[in-house]
Amino acid sequence: MTTTYHSSLSTLAESPAASGVWWSSVARALDDLAARLEAEAAVDAGPDGALKRAVDDEPTLAARANSVNAERMALQVRVHELRGIVSAHAGDPEHVDMVAKELALLSEGEINYQRKVRAVVWDSLTRDIGGE
């Protein structure tokens, strides 16, 4: 679970430009997000991951943990789809606004996902402590 990363997606969404630098930065930011989500899938959702341990400690959190995993997978799909659009239309000024809007939505989705993962893990810890 990433807790200190501040996504550059929102910065890119706030300052769209039809420049090669902007398009390259967008592609790099999407690739970075895809790599982070893949790593978090292994770390958080894996057999020894934080979400698995949270559910083991507090089984009533299983539905929320499954929901968080589904949200991460949906984010991964959206990142992949937007990355394809960026690859196909990089440099095209007609696609800048659409890509910027999608970046803003992805940034918001990533922040919400991370908040929900932390909430599930925190709830498992506080419920476990309260039960001892």
Protein backbone atom coordinates (compact mmCIF):
# COMPACT_ATOMS: atom_id res chain seq x y z
CA MET A 1 0.00 0.00 0.00
CA THR A 2 1.47 3.30 -1.06
CA THR A 3 0.90 6.01 1.50
CA THR A 4 3.36 8.75 0.54
CA TYR A 5 3.03 8.97 -3.23
CA HIS A 6 1.39 12.09 -4.61
CA SER A 7 0.21 11.37 -8.10
CA SER A 8 1.48 13.58 -10.88
CA LEU A 9 -1.67 12.58 -12.75
CA SER A 10 -3.57 15.44 -11.15
CA THR A 11 -0.80 17.90 -12.01
CA LEU A 12 -0.85 16.75 -15.62
CA ALA A 13 -4.64 16.93 -15.69
CA GLU A 14 -4.59 20.49 -14.39
CA SER A 15 -2.11 21.73 -16.97
CA PRO A 16 -2.88 20.00 -20.27
CA ALA A 17 -0.78 20.96 -23.28
CA ALA A 18 -0.42 19.69 -26.80
CA SER A 19 3.33 19.48 -26.38
CA GLY A 20 5.48 16.41 -26.76
CA VAL A 21 6.73 16.88 -23.21
CA TRP A 22 3.18 16.73 -21.82
CA TRP A 23 2.29 13.62 -23.83
CA SER A 24 5.54 11.94 -22.78
CA SER A 25 4.91 12.84 -19.14
CA VAL A 26 1.38 11.45 -19.37
CA ALA A 27 2.65 8.17 -20.81
CA ARG A 28 5.31 7.91 -18.10
CA ALA A 29 2.81 8.71 -15.32
CA LEU A 30 0.39 6.07 -16.62
CA ASP A 31 3.19 3.51 -16.85
CA ASP A 32 4.24 4.36 -13.28
CA LEU A 33 0.66 4.01 -12.03
CA ALA A 34 0.27 0.67 -13.81
CA ALA A 35 3.49 -0.59 -12.20
CA ARG A 36 2.41 0.63 -8.74
CA LEU A 37 -1.00 -1.00 -9.02
CA GLU A 38 0.60 -4.25 -10.13
CA ALA A 39 3.02 -4.14 -7.19
CA GLU A 40 0.21 -3.29 -4.79
CA ALA A 41 -1.78 -6.24 -6.14
CA ALA A 42 1.07 -8.51 -5.13
CA VAL A 43 1.76 -6.81 -1.80
CA ASP A 44 -1.76 -5.98 -0.64
CA ALA A 45 -3.89 -8.66 -2.27
CA GLY A 46 -1.37 -11.49 -2.36
CA PRO A 47 -1.49 -14.53 -0.08
CA ASP A 48 0.58 -12.74 2.58
CA GLY A 49 -0.72 -9.26 1.76
CA ALA A 50 -2.16 -6.60 4.02
CA LEU A 51 -5.73 -7.18 2.85
CA LYS A 52 -5.46 -10.95 3.33
CA ARG A 53 -4.09 -10.45 6.84
CA ALA A 54 -6.86 -7.92 7.57
CA VAL A 55 -9.52 -10.45 6.58
CA ASP A 56 -7.76 -13.19 8.55
CA ASP A 57 -7.80 -10.92 11.63
CA GLU A 58 -11.36 -9.71 11.06
CA PRO A 59 -13.40 -11.92 8.69
CA THR A 60 -16.27 -9.42 8.60
CA LEU A 61 -14.04 -7.22 6.42
CA ALA A 62 -13.99 -9.76 3.57
CA ALA A 63 -16.61 -7.96 1.48
CA ARG A 64 -14.79 -4.63 1.81
CA ALA A 65 -11.46 -6.25 0.96
CA ASN A 66 -12.99 -7.88 -2.12
CA SER A 67 -14.49 -4.53 -3.12
CA VAL A 68 -11.10 -2.84 -2.78
CA ASN A 69 -9.48 -5.55 -4.91
CA ALA A 70 -12.18 -5.10 -7.55
CA GLU A 71 -11.62 -1.35 -7.49
CA ARG A 72 -7.88 -1.85 -8.04
CA MET A 73 -8.54 -4.17 -10.96
CA ALA A 74 -10.93 -1.63 -12.50
CA LEU A 75 -8.26 1.06 -12.10
CA GLN A 76 -5.76 -1.20 -13.83
CA VAL A 77 -8.13 -1.63 -16.78
CA ARG A 78 -8.74 2.12 -17.00
CA VAL A 79 -4.99 2.82 -16.92
CA HIS A 80 -4.38 0.28 -19.67
CA GLU A 81 -7.17 1.72 -21.84
CA LEU A 82 -5.99 5.31 -21.39
CA ARG A 83 -2.41 4.28 -22.08
CA GLY A 84 -3.61 2.84 -25.40
CA ILE A 85 -5.36 6.10 -26.24
CA VAL A 86 -2.22 8.06 -25.38
CA SER A 87 -0.12 5.78 -27.57
CA ALA A 88 -2.51 6.16 -30.48
CA HIS A 89 -3.10 9.90 -30.22
CA ALA A 90 0.04 11.40 -28.67
CA GLY A 91 0.64 14.83 -30.10
CA ASP A 92 -2.94 15.27 -31.33
CA PRO A 93 -4.27 18.53 -29.83
CA GLU A 94 -7.87 17.33 -30.28
CA HIS A 95 -7.35 14.60 -27.64
CA VAL A 96 -5.62 16.70 -24.98
CA ASP A 97 -8.77 17.73 -23.08
CA MET A 98 -10.25 14.24 -23.10
CA VAL A 99 -6.98 12.73 -21.83
CA ALA A 100 -6.68 15.44 -19.16
CA LYS A 101 -10.22 14.68 -17.93
CA GLU A 102 -9.44 10.97 -17.77
CA LEU A 103 -6.20 11.69 -15.89
CA ALA A 104 -8.16 13.67 -13.30
CA LEU A 105 -10.62 10.79 -12.88
CA LEU A 106 -7.79 8.26 -12.58
CA SER A 107 -6.02 10.40 -10.00
CA GLU A 108 -9.21 10.63 -7.95
CA GLY A 109 -9.76 6.88 -8.33
CA GLU A 110 -6.22 6.10 -7.19
CA ILE A 111 -6.59 8.32 -4.12
CA ASN A 112 -9.93 6.70 -3.22
CA TYR A 113 -8.49 3.22 -3.71
CA GLN A 114 -5.54 3.93 -1.41
CA ARG A 115 -7.84 5.46 1.22
CA LYS A 116 -10.06 2.35 1.17
CA VAL A 117 -7.11 -0.03 1.50
CA ARG A 118 -5.83 1.91 4.51
CA ALA A 119 -9.34 1.92 6.03
CA VAL A 120 -9.71 -1.86 5.72
CA VAL A 121 -6.29 -2.49 7.24
CA TRP A 122 -6.90 0.05 10.01
CA ASP A 123 -10.32 -1.39 10.81
CA SER A 124 -8.84 -4.87 11.12
CA LEU A 125 -6.23 -3.58 13.55
CA THR A 126 -8.64 -1.61 15.70
CA ARG A 127 -11.20 -4.42 15.83
CA ASP A 128 -8.49 -6.95 16.67
CA ILE A 129 -7.10 -4.78 19.42
CA GLY A 130 -10.58 -4.17 20.80
CA GLY A 131 -11.22 -7.91 20.85
CA GLU A 132 -8.18 -8.85 22.89
